PDB file of N, CA and C in Angstrom:
ATOM      1  N   UNK A   1      30.487   0.432 156.967  1.00  0.00           N
ATOM      2  CA  UNK A   1      30.222  -1.029 156.942  1.00  0.00           C
ATOM      3  C   UNK A   1      31.574  -1.464 156.618  1.00  0.00           C
ATOM      4  N   UNK A   2      32.282  -2.392 157.608  1.00  0.00           N
ATOM      5  CA  UNK A   2      33.727  -2.637 156.644  1.00  0.00           C
ATOM      6  C   UNK A   2      33.416  -3.754 155.549  1.00  0.00           C
ATOM      7  N   UNK A   3      34.879  -3.468 155.056  1.00  0.00           N
ATOM      8  CA  UNK A   3      34.411  -3.766 153.669  1.00  0.00           C
ATOM      9  C   UNK A   3      34.364  -5.926 153.289  1.00  0.00           C
ATOM     10  N   UNK A   4      34.806  -6.507 154.511  1.00  0.00           N
ATOM     11  CA  UNK A   4      34.625  -7.537 154.395  1.00  0.00           C
ATOM     12  C   UNK A   4      33.363  -7.941 154.888  1.00  0.00           C
ATOM     13  N   UNK A   5      32.741  -6.627 154.961  1.00  0.00           N
ATOM     14  CA  UNK A   5      30.996  -7.412 155.616  1.00  0.00           C
ATOM     15  C   UNK A   5      30.501  -7.050 154.119  1.00  0.00           C
ATOM     16  N   UNK A   6      30.863  -5.932 153.614  1.00  0.00           N
ATOM     17  CA  UNK A   6      30.258  -5.979 152.015  1.00  0.00           C
ATOM     18  C   UNK A   6      30.602  -7.389 151.185  1.00  0.00           C
ATOM     19  N   UNK A   7      31.749  -7.530 150.949  1.00  0.00           N
ATOM     20  CA  UNK A   7      32.081  -8.833 150.925  1.00  0.00           C
ATOM     21  C   UNK A   7      31.432 -10.042 150.691  1.00  0.00           C
ATOM     22  N   UNK A   8      31.169 -10.258 151.629  1.00  0.00           N
ATOM     23  CA  UNK A   8      30.636 -11.123 152.494  1.00  0.00           C
ATOM     24  C   UNK A   8      29.109 -10.983 151.746  1.00  0.00           C
ATOM     25  N   UNK A   9      28.037  -9.732 152.057  1.00  0.00           N
ATOM     26  CA  UNK A   9      26.777  -9.592 151.414  1.00  0.00           C
ATOM     27  C   UNK A   9      27.097  -9.975 150.265  1.00  0.00           C
ATOM     28  N   UNK A  10      28.097  -9.551 149.231  1.00  0.00           N
ATOM     29  CA  UNK A  10      27.793  -9.661 147.876  1.00  0.00           C
ATOM     30  C   UNK A  10      27.710 -10.954 147.537  1.00  0.00           C
ATOM     31  N   UNK A  11      29.074 -12.054 148.645  1.00  0.00           N
ATOM     32  CA  UNK A  11      28.487 -13.821 148.386  1.00  0.00           C
ATOM     33  C   UNK A  11      27.416 -14.455 148.712  1.00  0.00           C
ATOM     34  N   UNK A  12      26.375 -13.846 149.338  1.00  0.00           N
ATOM     35  CA  UNK A  12      25.657 -14.128 150.202  1.00  0.00           C
ATOM     36  C   UNK A  12      24.555 -13.825 149.041  1.00  0.00           C
ATOM     37  N   UNK A  13      24.500 -12.452 148.247  1.00  0.00           N
ATOM     38  CA  UNK A  13      23.407 -12.336 147.087  1.00  0.00           C
ATOM     39  C   UNK A  13      23.772 -13.162 145.952  1.00  0.00           C
ATOM     40  N   UNK A  14      24.846 -13.289 145.570  1.00  0.00           N
ATOM     41  CA  UNK A  14      25.148 -14.694 144.662  1.00  0.00           C
ATOM     42  C   UNK A  14      24.560 -15.980 144.709  1.00  0.00           C
ATOM     43  N   UNK A  15      25.065 -16.087 146.011  1.00  0.00           N
ATOM     44  CA  UNK A  15      24.470 -17.380 145.763  1.00  0.00           C
ATOM     45  C   UNK A  15      22.962 -17.658 146.165  1.00  0.00           C
ATOM     46  N   UNK A  16      22.456 -16.792 146.496  1.00  0.00           N
ATOM     47  CA  UNK A  16      20.491 -16.811 146.367  1.00  0.00           C
ATOM     48  C   UNK A  16      20.214 -17.104 144.957  1.00  0.00           C
ATOM     49  N   UNK A  17      21.543 -15.429 144.346  1.00  0.00           N
ATOM     50  CA  UNK A  17      20.378 -15.701 142.948  1.00  0.00           C
ATOM     51  C   UNK A  17      20.725 -16.635 141.974  1.00  0.00           C
ATOM     52  N   UNK A  18      21.946 -18.113 142.065  1.00  0.00           N
ATOM     53  CA  UNK A  18      22.212 -18.889 142.192  1.00  0.00           C
ATOM     54  C   UNK A  18      20.747 -20.250 142.114  1.00  0.00           C
ATOM     55  N   UNK A  19      21.191 -20.464 143.184  1.00  0.00           N
ATOM     56  CA  UNK A  19      19.974 -20.591 144.261  1.00  0.00           C
ATOM     57  C   UNK A  19      18.751 -20.713 143.257  1.00  0.00           C
ATOM     58  N   UNK A  20      18.354 -19.269 142.940  1.00  0.00           N
ATOM     59  CA  UNK A  20      16.421 -19.439 142.786  1.00  0.00           C
ATOM     60  C   UNK A  20      16.690 -19.496 141.135  1.00  0.00           C
ATOM     61  N   UNK A  21      17.747 -19.555 140.505  1.00  0.00           N
ATOM     62  CA  UNK A  21      17.492 -20.165 138.796  1.00  0.00           C
ATOM     63  C   UNK A  21      18.074 -21.604 138.983  1.00  0.00           C
ATOM     64  N   UNK A  22      18.430 -22.348 139.739  1.00  0.00           N
ATOM     65  CA  UNK A  22      18.919 -23.419 139.503  1.00  0.00           C
ATOM     66  C   UNK A  22      17.499 -25.010 139.667  1.00  0.00           C
ATOM     67  N   UNK A  23      17.084 -23.966 139.695  1.00  0.00           N
ATOM     68  CA  UNK A  23      15.062 -25.048 139.076  1.00  0.00           C
ATOM     69  C   UNK A  23      15.192 -25.178 137.858  1.00  0.00           C
ATOM     70  N   UNK A  24      13.776 -25.995 137.142  1.00  0.00           N
ATOM     71  CA  UNK A  24      14.103 -26.245 136.179  1.00  0.00           C
ATOM     72  C   UNK A  24      13.408 -25.475 135.017  1.00  0.00           C
ATOM     73  N   UNK A  25      14.160 -25.266 133.548  1.00  0.00           N
ATOM     74  CA  UNK A  25      13.967 -24.045 132.764  1.00  0.00           C
ATOM     75  C   UNK A  25      11.837 -24.731 132.546  1.00  0.00           C
ATOM     76  N   UNK A  26      11.341 -23.848 132.519  1.00  0.00           N
ATOM     77  CA  UNK A  26       9.597 -23.734 132.235  1.00  0.00           C
ATOM     78  C   UNK A  26       9.699 -25.060 131.010  1.00  0.00           C
ATOM     79  N   UNK A  27       9.294 -26.109 131.304  1.00  0.00           N
ATOM     80  CA  UNK A  27       8.496 -26.500 129.921  1.00  0.00           C
ATOM     81  C   UNK A  27       7.981 -25.680 128.393  1.00  0.00           C
ATOM     82  N   UNK A  28       8.963 -26.082 127.988  1.00  0.00           N
ATOM     83  CA  UNK A  28       8.410 -25.432 126.347  1.00  0.00           C
ATOM     84  C   UNK A  28       8.108 -27.153 125.489  1.00  0.00           C
ATOM     85  N   UNK A  29       6.702 -27.184 125.280  1.00  0.00           N
ATOM     86  CA  UNK A  29       6.380 -28.031 124.332  1.00  0.00           C
ATOM     87  C   UNK A  29       6.197 -28.147 122.839  1.00  0.00           C
ATOM     88  N   UNK A  30       6.989 -26.777 122.349  1.00  0.00           N
ATOM     89  CA  UNK A  30       7.006 -26.408 120.905  1.00  0.00           C
ATOM     90  C   UNK A  30       8.525 -27.062 120.223  1.00  0.00           C
ATOM     91  N   UNK A  31       9.267 -27.420 121.787  1.00  0.00           N
ATOM     92  CA  UNK A  31      10.669 -27.551 121.599  1.00  0.00           C
ATOM     93  C   UNK A  31      10.873 -29.395 122.236  1.00  0.00           C
ATOM     94  N   UNK A  32      12.252 -29.356 121.426  1.00  0.00           N
ATOM     95  CA  UNK A  32      13.105 -31.121 122.376  1.00  0.00           C
ATOM     96  C   UNK A  32      14.410 -31.041 123.153  1.00  0.00           C
ATOM     97  N   UNK A  33      14.151 -31.904 123.970  1.00  0.00           N
ATOM     98  CA  UNK A  33      14.707 -31.797 125.124  1.00  0.00           C
ATOM     99  C   UNK A  33      16.221 -32.423 124.634  1.00  0.00           C
ATOM    100  N   UNK A  34      17.603 -31.791 123.848  1.00  0.00           N
ATOM    101  CA  UNK A  34      18.542 -31.946 122.984  1.00  0.00           C
ATOM    102  C   UNK A  34      19.531 -32.112 124.000  1.00  0.00           C
ATOM    103  N   UNK A  35      20.306 -33.187 124.178  1.00  0.00           N
ATOM    104  CA  UNK A  35      21.653 -34.384 125.102  1.00  0.00           C
ATOM    105  C   UNK A  35      22.327 -33.392 124.533  1.00  0.00           C
ATOM    106  N   UNK A  36      23.966 -33.232 125.444  1.00  0.00           N
ATOM    107  CA  UNK A  36      25.073 -32.948 124.964  1.00  0.00           C
ATOM    108  C   UNK A  36      25.074 -31.893 123.833  1.00  0.00           C
ATOM    109  N   UNK A  37      24.648 -30.696 124.002  1.00  0.00           N
ATOM    110  CA  UNK A  37      24.633 -29.635 123.525  1.00  0.00           C
ATOM    111  C   UNK A  37      24.585 -28.696 124.302  1.00  0.00           C
ATOM    112  N   UNK A  38      24.632 -28.813 125.210  1.00  0.00           N
ATOM    113  CA  UNK A  38      24.746 -27.375 126.410  1.00  0.00           C
ATOM    114  C   UNK A  38      26.262 -27.109 126.574  1.00  0.00           C
ATOM    115  N   UNK A  39      26.220 -25.518 126.606  1.00  0.00           N
ATOM    116  CA  UNK A  39      27.511 -25.463 127.486  1.00  0.00           C
ATOM    117  C   UNK A  39      27.535 -25.620 128.467  1.00  0.00           C
ATOM    118  N   UNK A  40      29.090 -25.588 129.584  1.00  0.00           N
ATOM    119  CA  UNK A  40      28.862 -25.866 130.906  1.00  0.00           C
ATOM    120  C   UNK A  40      28.137 -24.372 131.441  1.00  0.00           C
ATOM    121  N   UNK A  41      27.223 -24.775 132.261  1.00  0.00           N
ATOM    122  CA  UNK A  41      26.882 -23.747 132.997  1.00  0.00           C
ATOM    123  C   UNK A  41      25.553 -23.392 131.950  1.00  0.00           C
ATOM    124  N   UNK A  42      25.077 -23.909 131.420  1.00  0.00           N
ATOM    125  CA  UNK A  42      24.063 -23.077 130.538  1.00  0.00           C
ATOM    126  C   UNK A  42      22.442 -24.213 130.469  1.00  0.00           C
ATOM    127  N   UNK A  43      23.085 -25.201 130.784  1.00  0.00           N
ATOM    128  CA  UNK A  43      21.878 -26.300 130.502  1.00  0.00           C
ATOM    129  C   UNK A  43      20.448 -25.677 131.694  1.00  0.00           C
ATOM    130  N   UNK A  44      19.059 -26.695 130.384  1.00  0.00           N
ATOM    131  CA  UNK A  44      18.140 -25.824 130.621  1.00  0.00           C
ATOM    132  C   UNK A  44      17.623 -27.190 132.085  1.00  0.00           C
ATOM    133  N   UNK A  45      17.915 -28.444 131.972  1.00  0.00           N
ATOM    134  CA  UNK A  45      18.016 -29.229 133.437  1.00  0.00           C
ATOM    135  C   UNK A  45      19.224 -30.368 133.396  1.00  0.00           C
ATOM    136  N   UNK A  46      18.658 -31.396 134.491  1.00  0.00           N
ATOM    137  CA  UNK A  46      19.871 -32.424 134.644  1.00  0.00           C
ATOM    138  C   UNK A  46      18.921 -33.381 134.353  1.00  0.00           C
ATOM    139  N   UNK A  47      19.809 -34.575 134.077  1.00  0.00           N
ATOM    140  CA  UNK A  47      19.703 -35.606 132.948  1.00  0.00           C
ATOM    141  C   UNK A  47      20.006 -37.142 134.265  1.00  0.00           C
ATOM    142  N   UNK A  48      21.364 -36.739 134.915  1.00  0.00           N
ATOM    143  CA  UNK A  48      22.317 -37.796 135.749  1.00  0.00           C
ATOM    144  C   UNK A  48      22.591 -37.475 136.594  1.00  0.00           C
ATOM    145  N   UNK A  49      23.595 -38.089 137.004  1.00  0.00           N
ATOM    146  CA  UNK A  49      25.145 -37.190 138.178  1.00  0.00           C
ATOM    147  C   UNK A  49      25.601 -36.404 137.363  1.00  0.00           C
ATOM    148  N   UNK A  50      26.525 -35.407 138.355  1.00  0.00           N
ATOM    149  CA  UNK A  50      27.209 -34.092 137.924  1.00  0.00           C
ATOM    150  C   UNK A  50      26.524 -32.593 137.893  1.00  0.00           C
ATOM    151  N   UNK A  51      25.343 -32.884 138.095  1.00  0.00           N
ATOM    152  CA  UNK A  51      23.920 -31.453 137.125  1.00  0.00           C
ATOM    153  C   UNK A  51      22.789 -32.020 138.063  1.00  0.00           C
ATOM    154  N   UNK A  52      22.305 -31.004 138.708  1.00  0.00           N
ATOM    155  CA  UNK A  52      20.695 -30.996 139.449  1.00  0.00           C
ATOM    156  C   UNK A  52      19.878 -30.648 138.832  1.00  0.00           C
ATOM    157  N   UNK A  53      20.290 -29.154 138.033  1.00  0.00           N
ATOM    158  CA  UNK A  53      18.907 -28.563 137.098  1.00  0.00           C
ATOM    159  C   UNK A  53      19.756 -27.691 136.388  1.00  0.00           C
ATOM    160  N   UNK A  54      18.926 -26.609 135.827  1.00  0.00           N
ATOM    161  CA  UNK A  54      19.592 -25.420 134.882  1.00  0.00           C
ATOM    162  C   UNK A  54      20.133 -24.976 135.249  1.00  0.00           C
ATOM    163  N   UNK A  55      22.062 -24.565 134.789  1.00  0.00           N
ATOM    164  CA  UNK A  55      22.776 -23.977 134.690  1.00  0.00           C
ATOM    165  C   UNK A  55      24.039 -24.438 135.906  1.00  0.00           C
ATOM    166  N   UNK A  56      23.721 -26.240 135.789  1.00  0.00           N
ATOM    167  CA  UNK A  56      24.925 -26.645 136.606  1.00  0.00           C
ATOM    168  C   UNK A  56      25.501 -27.694 135.860  1.00  0.00           C
ATOM    169  N   UNK A  57      25.524 -27.542 134.869  1.00  0.00           N
ATOM    170  CA  UNK A  57      26.310 -28.821 134.115  1.00  0.00           C
ATOM    171  C   UNK A  57      27.537 -28.051 134.386  1.00  0.00           C
ATOM    172  N   UNK A  58      28.532 -28.765 134.710  1.00  0.00           N
ATOM    173  CA  UNK A  58      30.180 -28.508 134.910  1.00  0.00           C
ATOM    174  C   UNK A  58      31.094 -28.712 133.416  1.00  0.00           C
ATOM    175  N   UNK A  59      30.762 -29.606 132.673  1.00  0.00           N
ATOM    176  CA  UNK A  59      31.449 -29.166 131.306  1.00  0.00           C
ATOM    177  C   UNK A  59      30.499 -28.977 129.862  1.00  0.00           C
ATOM    178  N   UNK A  60      31.010 -28.352 128.799  1.00  0.00           N
ATOM    179  CA  UNK A  60      30.351 -27.912 128.208  1.00  0.00           C
ATOM    180  C   UNK A  60      30.144 -29.802 127.191  1.00  0.00           C
ATOM    181  N   UNK A  61      29.143 -29.715 126.585  1.00  0.00           N
ATOM    182  CA  UNK A  61      28.407 -30.735 125.478  1.00  0.00           C
ATOM    183  C   UNK A  61      28.295 -32.168 126.854  1.00  0.00           C
ATOM    184  N   UNK A  62      27.774 -31.854 128.102  1.00  0.00           N
ATOM    185  CA  UNK A  62      27.672 -33.447 128.603  1.00  0.00           C
ATOM    186  C   UNK A  62      26.491 -34.270 128.242  1.00  0.00           C
ATOM    187  N   UNK A  63      26.650 -35.310 128.218  1.00  0.00           N
ATOM    188  CA  UNK A  63      25.821 -35.961 127.565  1.00  0.00           C
ATOM    189  C   UNK A  63      24.216 -36.146 128.533  1.00  0.00           C
ATOM    190  N   UNK A  64      24.982 -35.954 129.833  1.00  0.00           N
ATOM    191  CA  UNK A  64      23.331 -36.372 130.746  1.00  0.00           C
ATOM    192  C   UNK A  64      23.423 -34.813 131.299  1.00  0.00           C
ATOM    193  N   UNK A  65      23.371 -33.506 130.757  1.00  0.00           N
ATOM    194  CA  UNK A  65      22.714 -32.599 130.519  1.00  0.00           C
ATOM    195  C   UNK A  65      21.909 -32.191 128.994  1.00  0.00           C
ATOM    196  N   UNK A  66      20.644 -31.095 129.137  1.00  0.00           N
ATOM    197  CA  UNK A  66      20.137 -31.007 128.017  1.00  0.00           C
ATOM    198  C   UNK A  66      19.711 -29.851 128.306  1.00  0.00           C
ATOM    199  N   UNK A  67      19.462 -29.271 126.676  1.00  0.00           N
ATOM    200  CA  UNK A  67      18.789 -27.619 126.576  1.00  0.00           C
ATOM    201  C   UNK A  67      17.669 -28.048 125.418  1.00  0.00           C
ATOM    202  N   UNK A  68      17.124 -27.124 125.860  1.00  0.00           N
ATOM    203  CA  UNK A  68      15.386 -27.068 124.501  1.00  0.00           C
ATOM    204  C   UNK A  68      16.701 -26.048 123.251  1.00  0.00           C
ATOM    205  N   UNK A  69      15.348 -26.724 122.303  1.00  0.00           N
ATOM    206  CA  UNK A  69      15.993 -26.569 120.759  1.00  0.00           C
ATOM    207  C   UNK A  69      14.397 -26.762 119.998  1.00  0.00           C
ATOM    208  N   UNK A  70      15.290 -26.165 118.927  1.00  0.00           N
ATOM    209  CA  UNK A  70      13.291 -26.088 117.978  1.00  0.00           C
ATOM    210  C   UNK A  70      13.104 -27.502 117.752  1.00  0.00           C
ATOM    211  N   UNK A  71      12.023 -27.994 117.705  1.00  0.00           N
ATOM    212  CA  UNK A  71      11.797 -29.616 116.972  1.00  0.00           C
ATOM    213  C   UNK A  71      12.312 -29.468 116.143  1.00  0.00           C
ATOM    214  N   UNK A  72      12.843 -31.282 115.872  1.00  0.00           N
ATOM    215  CA  UNK A  72      13.619 -31.514 114.852  1.00  0.00           C
ATOM    216  C   UNK A  72      14.886 -31.418 113.990  1.00  0.00           C
ATOM    217  N   UNK A  73      15.528 -30.131 114.861  1.00  0.00           N
ATOM    218  CA  UNK A  73      16.526 -29.988 115.020  1.00  0.00           C
ATOM    219  C   UNK A  73      17.982 -30.473 115.631  1.00  0.00           C
ATOM    220  N   UNK A  74      17.473 -30.988 116.676  1.00  0.00           N
ATOM    221  CA  UNK A  74      18.496 -31.731 117.880  1.00  0.00           C
ATOM    222  C   UNK A  74      19.383 -32.799 116.972  1.00  0.00           C
ATOM    223  N   UNK A  75      19.105 -33.737 116.359  1.00  0.00           N
ATOM    224  CA  UNK A  75      20.472 -34.512 115.740  1.00  0.00           C
ATOM    225  C   UNK A  75      21.198 -33.947 114.810  1.00  0.00           C
ATOM    226  N   UNK A  76      20.807 -32.525 114.623  1.00  0.00           N
ATOM    227  CA  UNK A  76      21.325 -31.565 113.771  1.00  0.00           C
ATOM    228  C   UNK A  76      22.668 -30.978 113.895  1.00  0.00           C
ATOM    229  N   UNK A  77      22.852 -30.503 114.886  1.00  0.00           N
ATOM    230  CA  UNK A  77      23.381 -30.313 116.428  1.00  0.00           C
ATOM    231  C   UNK A  77      24.846 -30.593 115.961  1.00  0.00           C
ATOM    232  N   UNK A  78      25.848 -30.094 115.554  1.00  0.00           N
ATOM    233  CA  UNK A  78      27.029 -30.934 114.996  1.00  0.00           C
ATOM    234  C   UNK A  78      27.940 -30.137 116.670  1.00  0.00           C
ATOM    235  N   UNK A  79      28.461 -30.898 117.650  1.00  0.00           N
ATOM    236  CA  UNK A  79      29.597 -30.370 118.603  1.00  0.00           C
ATOM    237  C   UNK A  79      31.026 -30.816 118.570  1.00  0.00           C
ATOM    238  N   UNK A  80      31.731 -30.046 119.411  1.00  0.00           N
ATOM    239  CA  UNK A  80      33.305 -30.906 119.171  1.00  0.00           C
ATOM    240  C   UNK A  80      33.232 -32.622 119.275  1.00  0.00           C
ATOM    241  N   UNK A  81      31.749 -32.461 120.322  1.00  0.00           N
ATOM    242  CA  UNK A  81      32.067 -34.107 120.945  1.00  0.00           C
ATOM    243  C   UNK A  81      30.823 -35.445 120.318  1.00  0.00           C
ATOM    244  N   UNK A  82      31.055 -34.559 118.986  1.00  0.00           N
ATOM    245  CA  UNK A  82      30.109 -35.156 118.277  1.00  0.00           C
ATOM    246  C   UNK A  82      28.443 -34.332 118.163  1.00  0.00           C
ATOM    247  N   UNK A  83      27.388 -34.903 117.364  1.00  0.00           N
ATOM    248  CA  UNK A  83      26.026 -34.526 117.316  1.00  0.00           C
ATOM    249  C   UNK A  83      25.016 -34.178 119.042  1.00  0.00           C
ATOM    250  N   UNK A  84      23.736 -33.977 119.230  1.00  0.00           N
ATOM    251  CA  UNK A  84      23.312 -33.515 120.196  1.00  0.00           C
ATOM    252  C   UNK A  84      22.321 -35.136 120.225  1.00  0.00           C
ATOM    253  N   UNK A  85      21.402 -35.158 121.274  1.00  0.00           N
ATOM    254  CA  UNK A  85      20.988 -36.679 120.803  1.00  0.00           C
ATOM    255  C   UNK A  85      19.331 -36.330 121.792  1.00  0.00           C
ATOM    256  N   UNK A  86      18.351 -36.958 121.351  1.00  0.00           N
ATOM    257  CA  UNK A  86      17.292 -37.102 122.062  1.00  0.00           C
ATOM    258  C   UNK A  86      17.716 -37.384 123.174  1.00  0.00           C
ATOM    259  N   UNK A  87      18.371 -38.763 123.526  1.00  0.00           N
ATOM    260  CA  UNK A  87      18.274 -39.220 124.886  1.00  0.00           C
ATOM    261  C   UNK A  87      19.435 -38.629 125.223  1.00  0.00           C
ATOM    262  N   UNK A  88      19.605 -38.781 126.655  1.00  0.00           N
ATOM    263  CA  UNK A  88      20.956 -38.727 127.239  1.00  0.00           C
ATOM    264  C   UNK A  88      22.257 -39.957 126.719  1.00  0.00           C
ATOM    265  N   UNK A  89      23.349 -39.585 126.450  1.00  0.00           N
ATOM    266  CA  UNK A  89      24.665 -39.858 125.813  1.00  0.00           C
ATOM    267  C   UNK A  89      25.448 -40.173 127.412  1.00  0.00           C
ATOM    268  N   UNK A  90      25.635 -41.810 127.053  1.00  0.00           N
ATOM    269  CA  UNK A  90      26.829 -41.962 128.037  1.00  0.00           C
ATOM    270  C   UNK A  90      28.364 -41.753 127.544  1.00  0.00           C
ATOM    271  N   UNK A  91      29.352 -41.513 128.334  1.00  0.00           N
ATOM    272  CA  UNK A  91      30.334 -41.358 128.610  1.00  0.00           C
ATOM    273  C   UNK A  91      30.615 -40.036 127.764  1.00  0.00           C
ATOM    274  N   UNK A  92      30.111 -38.772 127.885  1.00  0.00           N
ATOM    275  CA  UNK A  92      30.449 -38.233 127.560  1.00  0.00           C
ATOM    276  C   UNK A  92      30.364 -36.771 128.931  1.00  0.00           C
TER     277      UNK A  92
END
């Protein structure tokens, strides 16, 4: 097998695994959805433009991407861009 074919096969496998993980994270009713606290690529799902679902946020602390956190802790989470929010954060 040529090296170029091996590289192509690896790229296809990586894309397939990314697509499989881009679905929403299983609902966690014992946790809160907290907006503006996820690092790039670490969000649990999306709330608007620029993200489609789990792991697709493109910037740290995006206001339209959320992450599950322990109930009652979201708004006390501090980031370099401000506190977490239980609703999407405009302009972030």
